[in-house]
PDB file of N, CA and C in Angstrom:
ATOM      1  N   MET A   1      75.696 200.385  24.773  1.00  0.00           N
ATOM      2  CA  MET A   1      74.641 199.801  25.573  1.00  0.00           C
ATOM      3  C   MET A   1      74.716 200.367  26.984  1.00  0.00           C
ATOM      4  N   ALA A   2      73.618 200.898  27.468  1.00  0.00           N
ATOM      5  CA  ALA A   2      73.558 201.449  28.818  1.00  0.00           C
ATOM      6  C   ALA A   2      73.425 200.328  29.841  1.00  0.00           C
ATOM      7  N   THR A   3      74.113 200.502  30.948  1.00  0.00           N
ATOM      8  CA  THR A   3      74.044 199.535  32.025  1.00  0.00           C
ATOM      9  C   THR A   3      73.439 200.205  33.245  1.00  0.00           C
ATOM     10  N   THR A   4      72.467 199.563  33.847  1.00  0.00           N
ATOM     11  CA  THR A   4      71.870 200.067  35.070  1.00  0.00           C
ATOM     12  C   THR A   4      72.394 199.238  36.222  1.00  0.00           C
ATOM     13  N   GLU A   5      72.899 199.925  37.217  1.00  0.00           N
ATOM     14  CA  GLU A   5      73.385 199.239  38.404  1.00  0.00           C
ATOM     15  C   GLU A   5      72.422 199.478  39.549  1.00  0.00           C
ATOM     16  N   SER A   6      72.322 198.507  40.424  1.00  0.00           N
ATOM     17  CA  SER A   6      71.486 198.667  41.608  1.00  0.00           C
ATOM     18  C   SER A   6      71.969 197.699  42.675  1.00  0.00           C
ATOM     19  N   ILE A   7      71.469 197.893  43.857  1.00  0.00           N
ATOM     20  CA  ILE A   7      71.764 196.981  44.958  1.00  0.00           C
ATOM     21  C   ILE A   7      70.424 196.477  45.494  1.00  0.00           C
ATOM     22  N   VAL A   8      70.365 195.205  45.831  1.00  0.00           N
ATOM     23  CA  VAL A   8      69.107 194.611  46.278  1.00  0.00           C
ATOM     24  C   VAL A   8      69.336 193.972  47.649  1.00  0.00           C
ATOM     25  N   PRO A   9      68.650 194.464  48.679  1.00  0.00           N
ATOM     26  CA  PRO A   9      68.792 193.830  49.986  1.00  0.00           C
ATOM     27  C   PRO A   9      68.113 192.461  50.014  1.00  0.00           C
ATOM     28  N   ILE A  10      68.700 191.560  50.794  1.00  0.00           N
ATOM     29  CA  ILE A  10      68.099 190.249  51.035  1.00  0.00           C
ATOM     30  C   ILE A  10      67.696 190.226  52.497  1.00  0.00           C
ATOM     31  N   LEU A  11      66.426 189.965  52.745  1.00  0.00           N
ATOM     32  CA  LEU A  11      65.917 189.900  54.112  1.00  0.00           C
ATOM     33  C   LEU A  11      65.428 188.494  54.410  1.00  0.00           C
ATOM     34  N   ARG A  12      65.737 188.001  55.589  1.00  0.00           N
ATOM     35  CA  ARG A  12      65.347 186.663  56.017  1.00  0.00           C
ATOM     36  C   ARG A  12      63.901 186.685  56.492  1.00  0.00           C
ATOM     37  N   VAL A  13      63.116 185.752  55.998  1.00  0.00           N
ATOM     38  CA  VAL A  13      61.733 185.572  56.437  1.00  0.00           C
ATOM     39  C   VAL A  13      61.506 184.095  56.719  1.00  0.00           C
ATOM     40  N   ALA A  14      60.617 183.801  57.638  1.00  0.00           N
ATOM     41  CA  ALA A  14      60.307 182.407  57.962  1.00  0.00           C
ATOM     42  C   ALA A  14      59.424 181.788  56.890  1.00  0.00           C
ATOM     43  N   ASP A  15      58.505 182.587  56.339  1.00  0.00           N
ATOM     44  CA  ASP A  15      57.542 182.099  55.361  1.00  0.00           C
ATOM     45  C   ASP A  15      57.285 183.235  54.368  1.00  0.00           C
ATOM     46  N   ALA A  16      57.866 183.139  53.185  1.00  0.00           N
ATOM     47  CA  ALA A  16      57.772 184.210  52.192  1.00  0.00           C
ATOM     48  C   ALA A  16      56.330 184.495  51.787  1.00  0.00           C
ATOM     49  N   ALA A  17      55.535 183.457  51.606  1.00  0.00           N
ATOM     50  CA  ALA A  17      54.138 183.656  51.208  1.00  0.00           C
ATOM     51  C   ALA A  17      53.364 184.390  52.303  1.00  0.00           C
ATOM     52  N   ALA A  18      53.658 184.100  53.554  1.00  0.00           N
ATOM     53  CA  ALA A  18      52.988 184.783  54.662  1.00  0.00           C
ATOM     54  C   ALA A  18      53.493 186.217  54.817  1.00  0.00           C
ATOM     55  N   ALA A  19      54.748 186.475  54.458  1.00  0.00           N
ATOM     56  CA  ALA A  19      55.328 187.816  54.565  1.00  0.00           C
ATOM     57  C   ALA A  19      54.825 188.749  53.463  1.00  0.00           C
ATOM     58  N   LEU A  20      54.468 188.192  52.317  1.00  0.00           N
ATOM     59  CA  LEU A  20      54.099 189.002  51.157  1.00  0.00           C
ATOM     60  C   LEU A  20      52.977 190.011  51.419  1.00  0.00           C
ATOM     61  N   PRO A  21      51.879 189.656  52.079  1.00  0.00           N
ATOM     62  CA  PRO A  21      50.819 190.654  52.289  1.00  0.00           C
ATOM     63  C   PRO A  21      51.293 191.897  53.048  1.00  0.00           C
ATOM     64  N   TRP A  22      52.195 191.734  53.997  1.00  0.00           N
ATOM     65  CA  TRP A  22      52.736 192.885  54.724  1.00  0.00           C
ATOM     66  C   TRP A  22      53.499 193.789  53.763  1.00  0.00           C
ATOM     67  N   TRP A  23      54.327 193.199  52.923  1.00  0.00           N
ATOM     68  CA  TRP A  23      55.110 193.980  51.966  1.00  0.00           C
ATOM     69  C   TRP A  23      54.215 194.630  50.915  1.00  0.00           C
ATOM     70  N   GLU A  24      53.117 193.993  50.581  1.00  0.00           N
ATOM     71  CA  GLU A  24      52.160 194.601  49.650  1.00  0.00           C
ATOM     72  C   GLU A  24      51.563 195.868  50.260  1.00  0.00           C
ATOM     73  N   ARG A  25      51.336 195.885  51.551  1.00  0.00           N
ATOM     74  CA  ARG A  25      50.854 197.105  52.224  1.00  0.00           C
ATOM     75  C   ARG A  25      51.849 198.245  52.072  1.00  0.00           C
ATOM     76  N   LEU A  26      53.128 197.919  51.934  1.00  0.00           N
ATOM     77  CA  LEU A  26      54.184 198.913  51.764  1.00  0.00           C
ATOM     78  C   LEU A  26      54.367 199.291  50.291  1.00  0.00           C
ATOM     79  N   GLY A  27      53.522 198.714  49.425  1.00  0.00           N
ATOM     80  CA  GLY A  27      53.565 199.072  48.009  1.00  0.00           C
ATOM     81  C   GLY A  27      54.369 198.145  47.122  1.00  0.00           C
ATOM     82  N   PHE A  28      54.844 197.027  47.672  1.00  0.00           N
ATOM     83  CA  PHE A  28      55.617 196.072  46.880  1.00  0.00           C
ATOM     84  C   PHE A  28      54.689 195.033  46.260  1.00  0.00           C
ATOM     85  N   ALA A  29      55.105 194.475  45.145  1.00  0.00           N
ATOM     86  CA  ALA A  29      54.348 193.430  44.462  1.00  0.00           C
ATOM     87  C   ALA A  29      55.258 192.229  44.214  1.00  0.00           C
ATOM     88  N   HIS A  30      54.673 191.050  44.226  1.00  0.00           N
ATOM     89  CA  HIS A  30      55.410 189.814  43.938  1.00  0.00           C
ATOM     90  C   HIS A  30      55.860 189.806  42.487  1.00  0.00           C
ATOM     91  N   VAL A  31      57.116 189.464  42.261  1.00  0.00           N
ATOM     92  CA  VAL A  31      57.661 189.341  40.911  1.00  0.00           C
ATOM     93  C   VAL A  31      57.915 187.880  40.571  1.00  0.00           C
ATOM     94  N   HIS A  32      58.591 187.175  41.475  1.00  0.00           N
ATOM     95  CA  HIS A  32      58.996 185.802  41.164  1.00  0.00           C
ATOM     96  C   HIS A  32      59.338 185.071  42.459  1.00  0.00           C
ATOM     97  N   SER A  33      59.070 183.786  42.491  1.00  0.00           N
ATOM     98  CA  SER A  33      59.506 182.918  43.588  1.00  0.00           C
ATOM     99  C   SER A  33      60.287 181.753  42.999  1.00  0.00           C
ATOM    100  N   HIS A  34      61.352 181.362  43.700  1.00  0.00           N
ATOM    101  CA  HIS A  34      62.169 180.237  43.246  1.00  0.00           C
ATOM    102  C   HIS A  34      62.360 179.262  44.398  1.00  0.00           C
ATOM    103  N   ARG A  35      62.285 177.990  44.050  1.00  0.00           N
ATOM    104  CA  ARG A  35      62.510 176.899  44.996  1.00  0.00           C
ATOM    105  C   ARG A  35      63.326 175.861  44.229  1.00  0.00           C
ATOM    106  N   PHE A  36      64.473 175.447  44.771  1.00  0.00           N
ATOM    107  CA  PHE A  36      65.327 174.487  44.076  1.00  0.00           C
ATOM    108  C   PHE A  36      64.654 173.135  43.879  1.00  0.00           C
ATOM    109  N   ALA A  37      63.798 172.759  44.817  1.00  0.00           N
ATOM    110  CA  ALA A  37      63.065 171.490  44.719  1.00  0.00           C
ATOM    111  C   ALA A  37      61.912 171.544  45.707  1.00  0.00           C
ATOM    112  N   ASP A  38      60.946 170.644  45.536  1.00  0.00           N
ATOM    113  CA  ASP A  38      59.819 170.582  46.468  1.00  0.00           C
ATOM    114  C   ASP A  38      60.336 170.456  47.894  1.00  0.00           C
ATOM    115  N   GLY A  39      59.745 171.216  48.796  1.00  0.00           N
ATOM    116  CA  GLY A  39      60.143 171.154  50.191  1.00  0.00           C
ATOM    117  C   GLY A  39      61.324 172.037  50.548  1.00  0.00           C
ATOM    118  N   MET A  40      61.977 172.632  49.550  1.00  0.00           N
ATOM    119  CA  MET A  40      63.116 173.509  49.810  1.00  0.00           C
ATOM    120  C   MET A  40      62.606 174.912  50.142  1.00  0.00           C
ATOM    121  N   PRO A  41      63.447 175.738  50.780  1.00  0.00           N
ATOM    122  CA  PRO A  41      63.045 177.112  51.105  1.00  0.00           C
ATOM    123  C   PRO A  41      62.778 177.942  49.844  1.00  0.00           C
ATOM    124  N   VAL A  42      61.966 178.958  50.010  1.00  0.00           N
ATOM    125  CA  VAL A  42      61.602 179.857  48.913  1.00  0.00           C
ATOM    126  C   VAL A  42      62.511 181.080  48.923  1.00  0.00           C
ATOM    127  N   PHE A  43      62.865 181.531  47.725  1.00  0.00           N
ATOM    128  CA  PHE A  43      63.579 182.786  47.516  1.00  0.00           C
ATOM    129  C   PHE A  43      62.656 183.629  46.640  1.00  0.00           C
ATOM    130  N   MET A  44      62.172 184.754  47.176  1.00  0.00           N
ATOM    131  CA  MET A  44      61.146 185.552  46.500  1.00  0.00           C
ATOM    132  C   MET A  44      61.683 186.937  46.126  1.00  0.00           C
ATOM    133  N   THR A  45      61.322 187.394  44.937  1.00  0.00           N
ATOM    134  CA  THR A  45      61.628 188.755  44.511  1.00  0.00           C
ATOM    135  C   THR A  45      60.347 189.570  44.570  1.00  0.00           C
ATOM    136  N   ILE A  46      60.437 190.742  45.222  1.00  0.00           N
ATOM    137  CA  ILE A  46      59.326 191.687  45.239  1.00  0.00           C
ATOM    138  C   ILE A  46      59.850 193.018  44.727  1.00  0.00           C
ATOM    139  N   ARG A  47      58.926 193.877  44.249  1.00  0.00           N
ATOM    140  CA  ARG A  47      59.378 195.174  43.749  1.00  0.00           C
ATOM    141  C   ARG A  47      58.336 196.244  43.977  1.00  0.00           C
ATOM    142  N   ARG A  48      58.844 197.436  44.065  1.00  0.00           N
ATOM    143  CA  ARG A  48      58.040 198.662  44.162  1.00  0.00           C
ATOM    144  C   ARG A  48      58.665 199.624  43.159  1.00  0.00           C
ATOM    145  N   GLY A  49      58.004 199.802  42.032  1.00  0.00           N
ATOM    146  CA  GLY A  49      58.601 200.616  40.968  1.00  0.00           C
ATOM    147  C   GLY A  49      59.887 199.973  40.494  1.00  0.00           C
ATOM    148  N   ASP A  50      60.984 200.717  40.546  1.00  0.00           N
ATOM    149  CA  ASP A  50      62.287 200.196  40.140  1.00  0.00           C
ATOM    150  C   ASP A  50      63.061 199.574  41.300  1.00  0.00           C
ATOM    151  N   LEU A  51      62.480 199.552  42.487  1.00  0.00           N
ATOM    152  CA  LEU A  51      63.156 199.026  43.670  1.00  0.00           C
ATOM    153  C   LEU A  51      62.820 197.558  43.871  1.00  0.00           C
ATOM    154  N   HIS A  52      63.831 196.769  44.199  1.00  0.00           N
ATOM    155  CA  HIS A  52      63.640 195.342  44.432  1.00  0.00           C
ATOM    156  C   HIS A  52      64.131 194.958  45.821  1.00  0.00           C
ATOM    157  N   VAL A  53      63.484 193.959  46.407  1.00  0.00           N
ATOM    158  CA  VAL A  53      63.906 193.344  47.663  1.00  0.00           C
ATOM    159  C   VAL A  53      63.776 191.843  47.464  1.00  0.00           C
ATOM    160  N   PHE A  54      64.747 191.101  47.977  1.00  0.00           N
ATOM    161  CA  PHE A  54      64.667 189.650  47.978  1.00  0.00           C
ATOM    162  C   PHE A  54      64.252 189.204  49.379  1.00  0.00           C
ATOM    163  N   LEU A  55      63.244 188.345  49.465  1.00  0.00           N
ATOM    164  CA  LEU A  55      62.827 187.731  50.721  1.00  0.00           C
ATOM    165  C   LEU A  55      63.250 186.274  50.664  1.00  0.00           C
ATOM    166  N   SER A  56      64.043 185.844  51.627  1.00  0.00           N
ATOM    167  CA  SER A  56      64.599 184.496  51.571  1.00  0.00           C
ATOM    168  C   SER A  56      64.274 183.688  52.816  1.00  0.00           C
ATOM    169  N   GLU A  57      63.820 182.465  52.588  1.00  0.00           N
ATOM    170  CA  GLU A  57      63.626 181.513  53.678  1.00  0.00           C
ATOM    171  C   GLU A  57      64.906 180.725  53.957  1.00  0.00           C
ATOM    172  N   HIS A  58      65.933 180.899  53.135  1.00  0.00           N
ATOM    173  CA  HIS A  58      67.195 180.165  53.289  1.00  0.00           C
ATOM    174  C   HIS A  58      67.937 180.645  54.541  1.00  0.00           C
ATOM    175  N   LEU A  59      68.288 179.737  55.420  1.00  0.00           N
ATOM    176  CA  LEU A  59      68.935 180.084  56.682  1.00  0.00           C
ATOM    177  C   LEU A  59      70.261 180.814  56.489  1.00  0.00           C
ATOM    178  N   GLY A  60      71.014 180.511  55.449  1.00  0.00           N
ATOM    179  CA  GLY A  60      72.327 181.104  55.265  1.00  0.00           C
ATOM    180  C   GLY A  60      72.348 182.434  54.542  1.00  0.00           C
ATOM    181  N   ASP A  61      71.210 182.902  54.062  1.00  0.00           N
ATOM    182  CA  ASP A  61      71.215 184.145  53.281  1.00  0.00           C
ATOM    183  C   ASP A  61      71.283 185.402  54.137  1.00  0.00           C
ATOM    184  N   ALA A  62      70.635 185.439  55.245  1.00  0.00           N
ATOM    185  CA  ALA A  62      70.608 186.624  56.100  1.00  0.00           C
ATOM    186  C   ALA A  62      70.095 186.207  57.469  1.00  0.00           C
ATOM    187  N   VAL A  63      70.268 187.085  58.426  1.00  0.00           N
ATOM    188  CA  VAL A  63      69.737 186.814  59.760  1.00  0.00           C
ATOM    189  C   VAL A  63      68.450 187.607  59.947  1.00  0.00           C
ATOM    190  N   PRO A  64      67.527 187.100  60.743  1.00  0.00           N
ATOM    191  CA  PRO A  64      66.309 187.872  61.003  1.00  0.00           C
ATOM    192  C   PRO A  64      66.656 189.214  61.649  1.00  0.00           C
ATOM    193  N   GLY A  65      65.795 190.197  61.456  1.00  0.00           N
ATOM    194  CA  GLY A  65      66.008 191.492  62.086  1.00  0.00           C
ATOM    195  C   GLY A  65      66.855 192.442  61.264  1.00  0.00           C
ATOM    196  N   GLY A  66      66.848 192.284  59.941  1.00  0.00           N
ATOM    197  CA  GLY A  66      67.603 193.189  59.078  1.00  0.00           C
ATOM    198  C   GLY A  66      67.005 194.592  59.095  1.00  0.00           C
ATOM    199  N   LEU A  67      67.715 195.520  58.476  1.00  0.00           N
ATOM    200  CA  LEU A  67      67.269 196.900  58.405  1.00  0.00           C
ATOM    201  C   LEU A  67      67.566 197.442  57.017  1.00  0.00           C
ATOM    202  N   VAL A  68      66.551 198.033  56.379  1.00  0.00           N
ATOM    203  CA  VAL A  68      66.729 198.713  55.093  1.00  0.00           C
ATOM    204  C   VAL A  68      66.089 200.092  55.189  1.00  0.00           C
ATOM    205  N   TYR A  69      66.572 201.012  54.364  1.00  0.00           N
ATOM    206  CA  TYR A  69      66.014 202.363  54.306  1.00  0.00           C
ATOM    207  C   TYR A  69      65.382 202.526  52.941  1.00  0.00           C
ATOM    208  N   LEU A  70      64.133 202.968  52.925  1.00  0.00           N
ATOM    209  CA  LEU A  70      63.367 203.115  51.695  1.00  0.00           C
ATOM    210  C   LEU A  70      62.969 204.576  51.525  1.00  0.00           C
ATOM    211  N   TRP A  71      63.442 205.221  50.454  1.00  0.00           N
ATOM    212  CA  TRP A  71      63.031 206.585  50.139  1.00  0.00           C
ATOM    213  C   TRP A  71      61.730 206.519  49.342  1.00  0.00           C
ATOM    214  N   VAL A  72      60.746 207.323  49.741  1.00  0.00           N
ATOM    215  CA  VAL A  72      59.452 207.391  49.052  1.00  0.00           C
ATOM    216  C   VAL A  72      59.086 208.856  48.819  1.00  0.00           C
ATOM    217  N   THR A  73      58.051 209.082  48.028  1.00  0.00           N
ATOM    218  CA  THR A  73      57.598 210.449  47.778  1.00  0.00           C
ATOM    219  C   THR A  73      56.545 210.912  48.771  1.00  0.00           C
ATOM    220  N   ASP A  74      55.926 209.978  49.521  1.00  0.00           N
ATOM    221  CA  ASP A  74      54.881 210.344  50.480  1.00  0.00           C
ATOM    222  C   ASP A  74      54.987 209.484  51.738  1.00  0.00           C
ATOM    223  N   VAL A  75      55.848 209.901  52.649  1.00  0.00           N
ATOM    224  CA  VAL A  75      56.035 209.140  53.887  1.00  0.00           C
ATOM    225  C   VAL A  75      54.790 209.195  54.765  1.00  0.00           C
ATOM    226  N   ASP A  76      53.995 210.256  54.640  1.00  0.00           N
ATOM    227  CA  ASP A  76      52.779 210.349  55.450  1.00  0.00           C
ATOM    228  C   ASP A  76      51.781 209.247  55.103  1.00  0.00           C
ATOM    229  N   ALA A  77      51.698 208.886  53.827  1.00  0.00           N
ATOM    230  CA  ALA A  77      50.794 207.807  53.416  1.00  0.00           C
ATOM    231  C   ALA A  77      51.223 206.483  54.045  1.00  0.00           C
ATOM    232  N   VAL A  78      52.527 206.222  54.104  1.00  0.00           N
ATOM    233  CA  VAL A  78      53.025 204.995  54.734  1.00  0.00           C
ATOM    234  C   VAL A  78      52.711 205.021  56.229  1.00  0.00           C
ATOM    235  N   ALA A  79      52.953 206.151  56.874  1.00  0.00           N
ATOM    236  CA  ALA A  79      52.682 206.262  58.309  1.00  0.00           C
ATOM    237  C   ALA A  79      51.201 206.038  58.610  1.00  0.00           C
ATOM    238  N   ARG A  80      50.328 206.566  57.769  1.00  0.00           N
ATOM    239  CA  ARG A  80      48.888 206.330  57.968  1.00  0.00           C
ATOM    240  C   ARG A  80      48.547 204.852  57.826  1.00  0.00           C
ATOM    241  N   GLU A  81      49.114 204.205  56.799  1.00  0.00           N
ATOM    242  CA  GLU A  81      48.830 202.784  56.554  1.00  0.00           C
ATOM    243  C   GLU A  81      49.235 201.910  57.739  1.00  0.00           C
ATOM    244  N   PHE A  82      50.373 202.245  58.369  1.00  0.00           N
ATOM    245  CA  PHE A  82      50.911 201.407  59.433  1.00  0.00           C
ATOM    246  C   PHE A  82      50.669 201.972  60.840  1.00  0.00           C
ATOM    247  N   GLY A  83      50.044 203.151  60.931  1.00  0.00           N
ATOM    248  CA  GLY A  83      49.758 203.738  62.232  1.00  0.00           C
ATOM    249  C   GLY A  83      50.998 204.183  62.987  1.00  0.00           C
ATOM    250  N   THR A  84      51.996 204.700  62.274  1.00  0.00           N
ATOM    251  CA  THR A  84      53.237 205.153  62.901  1.00  0.00           C
ATOM    252  C   THR A  84      53.341 206.673  62.832  1.00  0.00           C
ATOM    253  N   GLN A  85      54.277 207.221  63.578  1.00  0.00           N
ATOM    254  CA  GLN A  85      54.532 208.659  63.595  1.00  0.00           C
ATOM    255  C   GLN A  85      55.684 208.987  62.660  1.00  0.00           C
ATOM    256  N   VAL A  86      55.602 210.133  62.027  1.00  0.00           N
ATOM    257  CA  VAL A  86      56.680 210.627  61.172  1.00  0.00           C
ATOM    258  C   VAL A  86      57.536 211.588  61.980  1.00  0.00           C
ATOM    259  N   GLU A  87      58.852 211.432  61.887  1.00  0.00           N
ATOM    260  CA  GLU A  87      59.788 212.313  62.583  1.00  0.00           C
ATOM    261  C   GLU A  87      60.479 213.223  61.584  1.00  0.00           C
ATOM    262  N   ASP A  88      60.732 214.467  62.000  1.00  0.00           N
ATOM    263  CA  ASP A  88      61.501 215.406  61.182  1.00  0.00           C
ATOM    264  C   ASP A  88      62.967 215.281  61.560  1.00  0.00           C
ATOM    265  N   ASN A  89      63.823 215.102  60.539  1.00  0.00           N
ATOM    266  CA  ASN A  89      65.258 214.959  60.726  1.00  0.00           C
ATOM    267  C   ASN A  89      65.978 215.877  59.749  1.00  0.00           C
ATOM    268  N   PRO A  90      67.264 216.123  59.945  1.00  0.00           N
ATOM    269  CA  PRO A  90      67.995 216.996  59.018  1.00  0.00           C
ATOM    270  C   PRO A  90      67.985 216.485  57.571  1.00  0.00           C
ATOM    271  N   TRP A  91      67.945 215.181  57.366  1.00  0.00           N
ATOM    272  CA  TRP A  91      67.985 214.607  56.012  1.00  0.00           C
ATOM    273  C   TRP A  91      66.595 214.472  55.388  1.00  0.00           C
ATOM    274  N   GLY A  92      65.553 214.637  56.207  1.00  0.00           N
ATOM    275  CA  GLY A  92      64.188 214.504  55.712  1.00  0.00           C
ATOM    276  C   GLY A  92      63.269 214.004  56.813  1.00  0.00           C
ATOM    277  N   ARG A  93      62.105 213.573  56.421  1.00  0.00           N
ATOM    278  CA  ARG A  93      61.113 213.052  57.356  1.00  0.00           C
ATOM    279  C   ARG A  93      61.063 211.548  57.209  1.00  0.00           C
ATOM    280  N   ASP A  94      60.985 210.816  58.331  1.00  0.00           N
ATOM    281  CA  ASP A  94      60.900 209.363  58.208  1.00  0.00           C
ATOM    282  C   ASP A  94      60.123 208.721  59.338  1.00  0.00           C
ATOM    283  N   THR A  95      59.815 207.451  59.114  1.00  0.00           N
ATOM    284  CA  THR A  95      59.119 206.616  60.086  1.00  0.00           C
ATOM    285  C   THR A  95      59.720 205.215  59.977  1.00  0.00           C
ATOM    286  N   GLU A  96      59.438 204.376  60.947  1.00  0.00           N
ATOM    287  CA  GLU A  96      59.950 203.000  60.882  1.00  0.00           C
ATOM    288  C   GLU A  96      58.799 202.024  61.071  1.00  0.00           C
ATOM    289  N   VAL A  97      58.803 200.979  60.247  1.00  0.00           N
ATOM    290  CA  VAL A  97      57.834 199.897  60.356  1.00  0.00           C
ATOM    291  C   VAL A  97      58.616 198.585  60.460  1.00  0.00           C
ATOM    292  N   VAL A  98      57.988 197.581  61.049  1.00  0.00           N
ATOM    293  CA  VAL A  98      58.656 196.294  61.277  1.00  0.00           C
ATOM    294  C   VAL A  98      57.798 195.187  60.694  1.00  0.00           C
ATOM    295  N   ASP A  99      58.409 194.350  59.837  1.00  0.00           N
ATOM    296  CA  ASP A  99      57.641 193.261  59.221  1.00  0.00           C
ATOM    297  C   ASP A  99      57.424 192.125  60.223  1.00  0.00           C
ATOM    298  N   PRO A 100      56.594 191.142  59.888  1.00  0.00           N
ATOM    299  CA  PRO A 100      56.289 190.053  60.827  1.00  0.00           C
ATOM    300  C   PRO A 100      57.508 189.237  61.252  1.00  0.00           C
ATOM    301  N   ASP A 101      58.615 189.321  60.498  1.00  0.00           N
ATOM    302  CA  ASP A 101      59.820 188.567  60.836  1.00  0.00           C
ATOM    303  C   ASP A 101      60.834 189.410  61.600  1.00  0.00           C
ATOM    304  N   GLY A 102      60.465 190.635  61.967  1.00  0.00           N
ATOM    305  CA  GLY A 102      61.360 191.491  62.741  1.00  0.00           C
ATOM    306  C   GLY A 102      62.295 192.344  61.905  1.00  0.00           C
ATOM    307  N   ASN A 103      62.174 192.306  60.578  1.00  0.00           N
ATOM    308  CA  ASN A 103      62.986 193.170  59.728  1.00  0.00           C
ATOM    309  C   ASN A 103      62.433 194.585  59.798  1.00  0.00           C
ATOM    310  N   ARG A 104      63.309 195.544  59.998  1.00  0.00           N
ATOM    311  CA  ARG A 104      62.893 196.939  60.099  1.00  0.00           C
ATOM    312  C   ARG A 104      63.052 197.637  58.751  1.00  0.00           C
ATOM    313  N   VAL A 105      62.067 198.464  58.428  1.00  0.00           N
ATOM    314  CA  VAL A 105      62.112 199.269  57.218  1.00  0.00           C
ATOM    315  C   VAL A 105      61.923 200.716  57.646  1.00  0.00           C
ATOM    316  N   ARG A 106      62.978 201.501  57.512  1.00  0.00           N
ATOM    317  CA  ARG A 106      62.854 202.938  57.757  1.00  0.00           C
ATOM    318  C   ARG A 106      62.442 203.556  56.432  1.00  0.00           C
ATOM    319  N   VAL A 107      61.354 204.288  56.474  1.00  0.00           N
ATOM    320  CA  VAL A 107      60.774 204.871  55.282  1.00  0.00           C
ATOM    321  C   VAL A 107      60.924 206.377  55.384  1.00  0.00           C
ATOM    322  N   GLY A 108      61.605 206.958  54.404  1.00  0.00           N
ATOM    323  CA  GLY A 108      61.879 208.383  54.467  1.00  0.00           C
ATOM    324  C   GLY A 108      61.467 209.143  53.223  1.00  0.00           C
ATOM    325  N   GLN A 109      61.276 210.435  53.434  1.00  0.00           N
ATOM    326  CA  GLN A 109      60.997 211.371  52.357  1.00  0.00           C
ATOM    327  C   GLN A 109      62.042 212.463  52.471  1.00  0.00           C
ATOM    328  N   ARG A 110      62.798 212.671  51.388  1.00  0.00           N
ATOM    329  CA  ARG A 110      63.890 213.647  51.419  1.00  0.00           C
ATOM    330  C   ARG A 110      63.383 215.049  51.718  1.00  0.00           C
ATOM    331  N   ALA A 111      64.222 215.821  52.405  1.00  0.00           N
ATOM    332  CA  ALA A 111      63.869 217.205  52.753  1.00  0.00           C
ATOM    333  C   ALA A 111      63.803 218.064  51.493  1.00  0.00           C
TER     334      ALA A 111
END
């Protein structure tokens, strides 16, 4: 049996439902939301292809202002969507976007 391993970042958000449209602009889609009980914080799974990110309203899961790096095949399309500039670096071309909760996403395309 083959095993697939991966790592999933958890980013703190104040309101997962309000954060979702921003992440959808980045190509992510809602997969699942979990709440232990009515009135409790939401823990949301989003994905883009095989990539997953957890968005959590839980205070103890992460601090606001996290940073993740996302490799894509077309960084120029992301830069156009968000109105950012693409920089050329030794490892590839990248840009940075910031979600409504202050989490930074560096989006890169390998050289």
